[in-house]
Amino acid sequence: MTFDELTDRLAAVDPARLAKANPIDLLEAPWALIDEDFRGGFIKHCRELTDDRLRHCAEIAETFFSWLMPYGGYSRQSATANRFHLSATLILAIGPRTDIALLDPMRLLHELLHDSPPVETARELLASPSPGPEVGAIVGRLSLLRQVRRIDHLLPPSAEKERYEQWKTL
């Protein structure tokens, strides 16, 4: 299936019908393969897309990533990591676009820092001899941080960027 065919099929999915589908059937669908093919195709063809098609594919990506947890059995961390990877790779390939959420570096930065504890607290939790569940969330954030590092030269100066610079020291 070509990238255009895949995006057209994803765009044709009726969310209401998807929500009513048998959860067992949905979990048996090849979500990982679709995820891989979609991200790979988007990255491969991003420079060829017209502005309208780029915007359309970005909207499909947002919708698709929102399906990965409830229907595909993905963890929040995995679905978010895949979206961050796609965003960072596309931003590096075709440049940032503040008018398209998927291509907005500040959106990634904001999402990375949203609900993150202060870096001092994160450092203490990571150094704790008996780590709790909070450590998993911090490790997940550090995984996302790796994707933001790829594009951090495109981030404008801001209070969020200063906070991000502190997180890079972990």
Protein backbone atom coordinates (compact mmCIF):
# COMPACT_ATOMS: atom_id res chain seq x y z
CA MET A 1 0.00 0.00 0.00
CA THR A 2 1.37 3.43 -0.90
CA PHE A 3 1.56 6.29 1.57
CA ASP A 4 -1.27 8.09 -0.22
CA GLU A 5 -3.45 4.99 -0.04
CA LEU A 6 -2.67 4.53 3.64
CA THR A 7 -3.46 8.16 4.53
CA ASP A 8 -6.68 7.99 2.51
CA ARG A 9 -7.71 4.82 4.35
CA LEU A 10 -6.92 6.36 7.73
CA ALA A 11 -8.83 9.51 6.78
CA ALA A 12 -11.84 7.38 5.83
CA VAL A 13 -12.08 5.69 9.24
CA ASP A 14 -15.28 6.62 11.02
CA PRO A 15 -14.34 7.35 14.66
CA ALA A 16 -17.85 6.51 15.87
CA ARG A 17 -17.70 3.12 14.18
CA LEU A 18 -14.22 2.54 15.56
CA ALA A 19 -15.45 3.29 19.08
CA LYS A 20 -18.23 0.70 18.68
CA ALA A 21 -15.95 -2.04 17.32
CA ASN A 22 -15.13 -5.14 19.33
CA PRO A 23 -12.03 -4.31 21.44
CA ILE A 24 -10.59 -7.79 20.84
CA ASP A 25 -10.79 -7.29 17.07
CA LEU A 26 -9.15 -3.90 17.38
CA LEU A 27 -6.26 -5.25 19.43
CA GLU A 28 -5.67 -7.88 16.75
CA ALA A 29 -5.31 -5.22 14.05
CA PRO A 30 -1.72 -4.58 12.88
CA TRP A 31 -1.37 -1.25 14.73
CA ALA A 32 2.42 -1.40 14.98
CA LEU A 33 2.74 -2.03 11.25
CA ILE A 34 0.33 0.76 10.38
CA ASP A 35 2.17 3.08 12.79
CA GLU A 36 5.53 2.21 11.24
CA ASP A 37 4.28 2.50 7.65
CA PHE A 38 2.49 5.77 8.30
CA ARG A 39 5.42 7.43 10.07
CA GLY A 40 7.93 6.07 7.57
CA GLY A 41 5.83 7.14 4.59
CA PHE A 42 5.18 10.58 6.02
CA ILE A 43 8.90 11.12 6.60
CA LYS A 44 9.83 9.74 3.18
CA HIS A 45 7.30 11.85 1.27
CA CYS A 46 7.14 15.01 3.43
CA ARG A 47 9.17 17.15 1.01
CA GLU A 48 6.84 16.25 -1.89
CA LEU A 49 3.57 17.15 -0.17
CA THR A 50 1.66 20.25 -1.12
CA ASP A 51 0.80 22.57 1.74
CA ASP A 52 -2.78 21.29 1.84
CA ARG A 53 -1.69 17.64 1.75
CA LEU A 54 0.91 18.28 4.47
CA ARG A 55 -1.75 19.83 6.68
CA HIS A 56 -4.12 16.92 5.91
CA CYS A 57 -1.47 14.29 6.75
CA ALA A 58 -0.59 16.11 9.98
CA GLU A 59 -4.26 16.06 11.00
CA ILE A 60 -4.47 12.35 10.19
CA ALA A 61 -1.33 11.77 12.27
CA GLU A 62 -2.86 13.52 15.29
CA THR A 63 -6.02 11.43 14.97
CA PHE A 64 -4.11 8.21 14.42
CA PHE A 65 -1.89 8.75 17.46
CA SER A 66 -5.00 9.37 19.56
CA TRP A 67 -6.25 5.90 18.55
CA LEU A 68 -3.08 4.03 19.51
CA MET A 69 -3.82 3.86 23.24
CA PRO A 70 -7.52 3.03 23.39
CA TYR A 71 -7.66 0.80 20.31
CA GLY A 72 -4.11 -0.34 19.59
CA GLY A 73 -3.07 -1.29 23.10
CA TYR A 74 -0.15 1.16 23.12
CA SER A 75 0.98 2.70 26.37
CA ARG A 76 0.67 6.46 26.65
CA GLN A 77 4.46 6.63 26.73
CA SER A 78 4.87 4.63 23.49
CA ALA A 79 2.22 6.56 21.57
CA THR A 80 3.67 9.88 22.72
CA ALA A 81 7.24 8.80 21.93
CA ASN A 82 6.23 7.82 18.39
CA ARG A 83 4.48 11.14 17.86
CA PHE A 84 7.49 13.07 19.22
CA HIS A 85 9.79 11.09 16.91
CA LEU A 86 7.62 11.88 13.90
CA SER A 87 7.36 15.57 14.82
CA ALA A 88 11.08 16.03 15.39
CA THR A 89 12.00 14.18 12.21
CA LEU A 90 9.54 16.17 10.09
CA ILE A 91 10.65 19.46 11.62
CA LEU A 92 14.26 18.64 10.75
CA ALA A 93 13.29 17.58 7.23
CA ILE A 94 10.98 20.43 6.21
CA GLY A 95 11.34 23.03 8.93
CA PRO A 96 9.13 24.21 11.74
CA ARG A 97 5.58 25.36 11.08
CA THR A 98 3.72 27.04 13.92
CA ASP A 99 0.48 26.79 11.91
CA ILE A 100 0.65 22.96 11.99
CA ALA A 101 0.70 21.53 15.51
CA LEU A 102 2.71 18.46 14.51
CA LEU A 103 5.47 20.73 13.14
CA ASP A 104 5.57 23.25 15.98
CA PRO A 105 8.73 22.88 18.11
CA MET A 106 7.22 24.89 20.95
CA ARG A 107 4.30 22.47 21.14
CA LEU A 108 6.75 19.61 21.72
CA LEU A 109 8.57 21.63 24.35
CA HIS A 110 5.35 22.60 26.10
CA GLU A 111 4.12 19.01 26.10
CA LEU A 112 7.46 17.74 27.42
CA LEU A 113 7.38 20.18 30.33
CA HIS A 114 3.65 19.98 31.07
CA ASP A 115 3.11 18.43 34.49
CA SER A 116 6.85 17.85 34.87
CA PRO A 117 8.19 18.38 38.37
CA PRO A 118 11.00 20.85 38.96
CA VAL A 119 14.33 19.42 37.83
CA GLU A 120 15.58 19.31 41.44
CA THR A 121 12.66 17.09 42.41
CA ALA A 122 13.25 14.87 39.38
CA ARG A 123 16.93 14.56 40.28
CA GLU A 124 16.07 13.55 43.87
CA LEU A 125 13.54 10.98 42.68
CA LEU A 126 16.02 9.48 40.22
CA ALA A 127 18.67 9.22 42.96
CA SER A 128 16.28 7.67 45.46
CA PRO A 129 17.38 4.27 46.79
CA SER A 130 13.78 3.01 46.53
CA PRO A 131 12.31 4.54 43.36
CA GLY A 132 8.56 4.83 43.16
CA PRO A 133 6.19 5.08 40.20
CA GLU A 134 7.15 8.74 39.72
CA VAL A 135 10.53 7.59 38.44
CA GLY A 136 8.89 5.83 35.48
CA ALA A 137 7.22 9.08 34.47
CA ILE A 138 10.52 10.93 34.69
CA VAL A 139 12.32 8.29 32.64
CA GLY A 140 9.54 8.62 30.07
CA ARG A 141 10.07 12.36 29.97
CA LEU A 142 13.80 11.84 29.43
CA SER A 143 12.97 9.66 26.43
CA LEU A 144 10.89 12.50 24.99
CA LEU A 145 13.63 14.96 25.83
CA ARG A 146 15.92 13.11 23.39
CA GLN A 147 13.55 14.00 20.56
CA VAL A 148 13.31 17.64 21.62
CA ARG A 149 17.13 17.82 21.76
CA ARG A 150 17.17 17.10 18.03
CA ILE A 151 15.29 20.33 17.35
CA ASP A 152 16.22 22.52 20.31
CA HIS A 153 18.26 24.84 18.08
CA LEU A 154 14.91 25.92 16.62
CA LEU A 155 13.36 26.87 19.96
CA PRO A 156 13.07 30.61 20.57
CA PRO A 157 14.21 32.02 23.91
CA SER A 158 11.52 31.63 26.56
CA ALA A 159 10.97 30.65 30.18
CA GLU A 160 10.03 27.18 28.95
CA LYS A 161 13.30 26.87 27.06
CA GLU A 162 15.22 27.84 30.22
CA ARG A 163 13.35 25.15 32.14
CA TYR A 164 14.11 22.69 29.35
CA GLU A 165 17.81 23.54 29.59
CA GLN A 166 17.67 22.54 33.25
CA TRP A 167 16.03 19.23 32.34
CA LYS A 168 18.86 18.55 29.89
CA THR A 169 21.22 18.34 32.88
CA LEU A 170 19.54 15.19 34.21
